[in-house]
Amino acid sequence: MMCLMQKKVAELGEYIIFKNGIKGIVEKVYENSVIVFITENKTNMEFAGNRTVVAHKNYKVVVSKVKNP
């Protein structure tokens, strides 16, 4: 079960979902976008280095920050 939060801007380390269900972890936050390390991609799209830039208006925050062990 996934809980999508209605935040405008993700924070560093948060999980987001975008474009047809691609999931990733926010690595860097910019004024208009974030850089995401992709953790789950069930589409035919390929991303160099498993990273991409996503505009704030094109994603939703899934839960909260990744916890370090």
N, C-alpha and C. Protein backbone atom coordinates (compact mmCIF):
# COMPACT_ATOMS: atom_id res chain seq x y z
N MET A 1 0.84 -1.18 0.00
CA MET A 1 0.00 0.00 0.00
C MET A 1 0.88 1.24 0.00
N MET A 2 0.58 2.16 -0.89
CA MET A 2 1.37 3.36 -1.04
C MET A 2 0.58 4.57 -0.58
N CYS A 3 1.27 5.48 0.09
CA CYS A 3 0.62 6.70 0.55
C CYS A 3 1.24 7.88 -0.20
N LEU A 4 0.47 8.52 -1.07
CA LEU A 4 0.96 9.66 -1.81
C LEU A 4 0.64 10.93 -1.04
N MET A 5 1.66 11.75 -0.85
CA MET A 5 1.49 13.00 -0.10
C MET A 5 1.30 14.15 -1.08
N GLN A 6 0.56 15.15 -0.69
CA GLN A 6 0.28 16.31 -1.53
C GLN A 6 1.24 17.46 -1.23
N LYS A 7 2.54 17.20 -1.37
CA LYS A 7 3.54 18.25 -1.17
C LYS A 7 3.90 18.84 -2.51
N LYS A 8 4.22 20.11 -2.55
CA LYS A 8 4.62 20.77 -3.79
C LYS A 8 6.05 20.40 -4.17
N VAL A 9 6.98 20.38 -3.20
CA VAL A 9 8.39 20.14 -3.48
C VAL A 9 8.91 19.03 -2.58
N ALA A 10 9.54 18.02 -3.20
CA ALA A 10 10.13 16.92 -2.43
C ALA A 10 11.40 17.40 -1.75
N GLU A 11 11.79 16.68 -0.72
CA GLU A 11 13.03 16.97 0.00
C GLU A 11 14.06 15.90 -0.31
N LEU A 12 15.30 16.19 -0.04
CA LEU A 12 16.41 15.26 -0.26
C LEU A 12 16.13 13.94 0.46
N GLY A 13 16.26 12.82 -0.25
CA GLY A 13 16.08 11.51 0.35
C GLY A 13 14.67 10.95 0.31
N GLU A 14 13.71 11.73 -0.18
CA GLU A 14 12.33 11.25 -0.23
C GLU A 14 12.08 10.42 -1.49
N TYR A 15 11.17 9.46 -1.38
CA TYR A 15 10.75 8.67 -2.53
C TYR A 15 9.68 9.43 -3.30
N ILE A 16 9.81 9.43 -4.64
CA ILE A 16 8.78 10.04 -5.48
C ILE A 16 8.35 9.06 -6.55
N ILE A 17 7.21 9.34 -7.17
CA ILE A 17 6.69 8.54 -8.28
C ILE A 17 6.34 9.51 -9.41
N PHE A 18 6.69 9.12 -10.64
CA PHE A 18 6.44 9.97 -11.80
C PHE A 18 6.29 9.12 -13.05
N LYS A 19 5.83 9.72 -14.14
CA LYS A 19 5.71 9.08 -15.47
C LYS A 19 5.41 7.59 -15.45
N ASN A 20 4.17 7.23 -15.50
CA ASN A 20 3.76 5.83 -15.61
C ASN A 20 4.26 4.93 -14.48
N GLY A 21 4.43 5.47 -13.30
CA GLY A 21 4.78 4.64 -12.15
C GLY A 21 6.25 4.44 -11.89
N ILE A 22 7.13 5.22 -12.50
CA ILE A 22 8.56 5.12 -12.21
C ILE A 22 8.79 5.69 -10.82
N LYS A 23 9.58 4.97 -10.02
CA LYS A 23 9.85 5.41 -8.64
C LYS A 23 11.33 5.70 -8.47
N GLY A 24 11.63 6.63 -7.57
CA GLY A 24 13.02 6.96 -7.32
C GLY A 24 13.20 7.75 -6.04
N ILE A 25 14.48 7.99 -5.72
CA ILE A 25 14.86 8.72 -4.51
C ILE A 25 15.45 10.07 -4.94
N VAL A 26 15.00 11.14 -4.31
CA VAL A 26 15.49 12.48 -4.63
C VAL A 26 16.94 12.62 -4.15
N GLU A 27 17.84 12.97 -5.10
CA GLU A 27 19.25 13.15 -4.76
C GLU A 27 19.64 14.61 -4.63
N LYS A 28 18.95 15.49 -5.36
CA LYS A 28 19.25 16.92 -5.30
C LYS A 28 17.99 17.70 -5.64
N VAL A 29 17.78 18.80 -4.93
CA VAL A 29 16.60 19.63 -5.14
C VAL A 29 17.04 20.97 -5.72
N TYR A 30 16.42 21.35 -6.83
CA TYR A 30 16.66 22.65 -7.46
C TYR A 30 15.41 23.50 -7.35
N GLU A 31 15.47 24.71 -7.86
CA GLU A 31 14.35 25.63 -7.77
C GLU A 31 13.10 25.10 -8.49
N ASN A 32 13.28 24.51 -9.67
CA ASN A 32 12.15 24.06 -10.47
C ASN A 32 12.09 22.56 -10.69
N SER A 33 13.06 21.80 -10.17
CA SER A 33 13.11 20.36 -10.45
C SER A 33 13.94 19.63 -9.40
N VAL A 34 13.98 18.30 -9.53
CA VAL A 34 14.80 17.46 -8.68
C VAL A 34 15.58 16.47 -9.56
N ILE A 35 16.73 16.02 -9.06
CA ILE A 35 17.44 14.92 -9.69
C ILE A 35 17.07 13.68 -8.91
N VAL A 36 16.69 12.62 -9.64
CA VAL A 36 16.17 11.40 -9.03
C VAL A 36 17.02 10.20 -9.41
N PHE A 37 17.38 9.38 -8.41
CA PHE A 37 17.98 8.07 -8.67
C PHE A 37 16.84 7.08 -8.77
N ILE A 38 16.72 6.44 -9.93
CA ILE A 38 15.58 5.56 -10.20
C ILE A 38 15.77 4.22 -9.51
N THR A 39 14.75 3.81 -8.74
CA THR A 39 14.80 2.54 -8.01
C THR A 39 13.88 1.49 -8.61
N GLU A 40 12.84 1.94 -9.33
CA GLU A 40 11.89 0.99 -9.94
C GLU A 40 11.38 1.56 -11.25
N ASN A 41 11.61 0.80 -12.34
CA ASN A 41 11.19 1.24 -13.66
C ASN A 41 10.65 0.05 -14.44
N LYS A 42 9.33 -0.05 -14.52
CA LYS A 42 8.69 -1.15 -15.24
C LYS A 42 8.24 -0.71 -16.63
N THR A 43 8.78 0.40 -17.12
CA THR A 43 8.45 0.90 -18.45
C THR A 43 9.58 0.54 -19.42
N ASN A 44 9.40 0.90 -20.67
CA ASN A 44 10.44 0.68 -21.68
C ASN A 44 11.43 1.84 -21.74
N MET A 45 11.22 2.86 -20.94
CA MET A 45 12.11 4.03 -20.94
C MET A 45 13.44 3.67 -20.28
N GLU A 46 14.52 4.22 -20.84
CA GLU A 46 15.85 4.00 -20.28
C GLU A 46 16.43 5.34 -19.85
N PHE A 47 17.18 5.33 -18.76
CA PHE A 47 17.77 6.53 -18.21
C PHE A 47 19.26 6.31 -17.99
N ALA A 48 20.08 7.20 -18.51
CA ALA A 48 21.54 7.09 -18.36
C ALA A 48 21.90 7.15 -16.88
N GLY A 49 22.64 6.15 -16.41
CA GLY A 49 23.06 6.12 -15.01
C GLY A 49 21.93 5.96 -14.02
N ASN A 50 20.75 5.56 -14.50
CA ASN A 50 19.56 5.41 -13.65
C ASN A 50 19.21 6.70 -12.90
N ARG A 51 19.49 7.83 -13.54
CA ARG A 51 19.14 9.13 -12.97
C ARG A 51 18.43 9.97 -14.01
N THR A 52 17.58 10.89 -13.54
CA THR A 52 16.90 11.81 -14.44
C THR A 52 16.48 13.06 -13.67
N VAL A 53 16.12 14.10 -14.42
CA VAL A 53 15.62 15.34 -13.85
C VAL A 53 14.11 15.35 -14.02
N VAL A 54 13.39 15.71 -12.95
CA VAL A 54 11.93 15.74 -12.99
C VAL A 54 11.47 17.09 -12.43
N ALA A 55 10.61 17.77 -13.19
CA ALA A 55 10.04 19.04 -12.72
C ALA A 55 9.13 18.79 -11.52
N HIS A 56 9.05 19.77 -10.63
CA HIS A 56 8.23 19.63 -9.42
C HIS A 56 6.76 19.32 -9.76
N LYS A 57 6.26 19.85 -10.84
CA LYS A 57 4.86 19.63 -11.20
C LYS A 57 4.59 18.24 -11.76
N ASN A 58 5.66 17.45 -12.02
CA ASN A 58 5.51 16.16 -12.67
C ASN A 58 5.72 14.94 -11.78
N TYR A 59 5.73 15.13 -10.46
CA TYR A 59 5.90 13.98 -9.55
C TYR A 59 5.03 14.14 -8.32
N LYS A 60 4.92 13.05 -7.57
CA LYS A 60 4.26 13.06 -6.26
C LYS A 60 5.18 12.36 -5.27
N VAL A 61 5.21 12.85 -4.04
CA VAL A 61 6.00 12.23 -2.98
C VAL A 61 5.26 10.98 -2.52
N VAL A 62 5.99 9.84 -2.43
CA VAL A 62 5.36 8.58 -2.08
C VAL A 62 5.16 8.47 -0.58
N VAL A 63 6.21 8.48 0.21
CA VAL A 63 6.04 8.43 1.66
C VAL A 63 6.92 9.47 2.31
N SER A 64 8.07 9.07 2.81
CA SER A 64 8.93 10.04 3.47
C SER A 64 10.38 9.70 3.15
N LYS A 65 11.27 10.24 3.93
CA LYS A 65 12.70 10.08 3.68
C LYS A 65 13.15 8.64 3.85
N VAL A 66 14.24 8.31 3.14
CA VAL A 66 14.87 7.00 3.26
C VAL A 66 15.62 6.98 4.58
N LYS A 67 15.45 5.89 5.33
CA LYS A 67 16.12 5.77 6.63
C LYS A 67 17.45 5.07 6.44
N ASN A 68 18.50 5.64 7.02
CA ASN A 68 19.82 5.02 6.98
C ASN A 68 19.95 4.05 8.13
N PRO A 69 20.49 2.84 7.88
CA PRO A 69 20.64 1.86 8.98
C PRO A 69 21.64 2.28 10.01
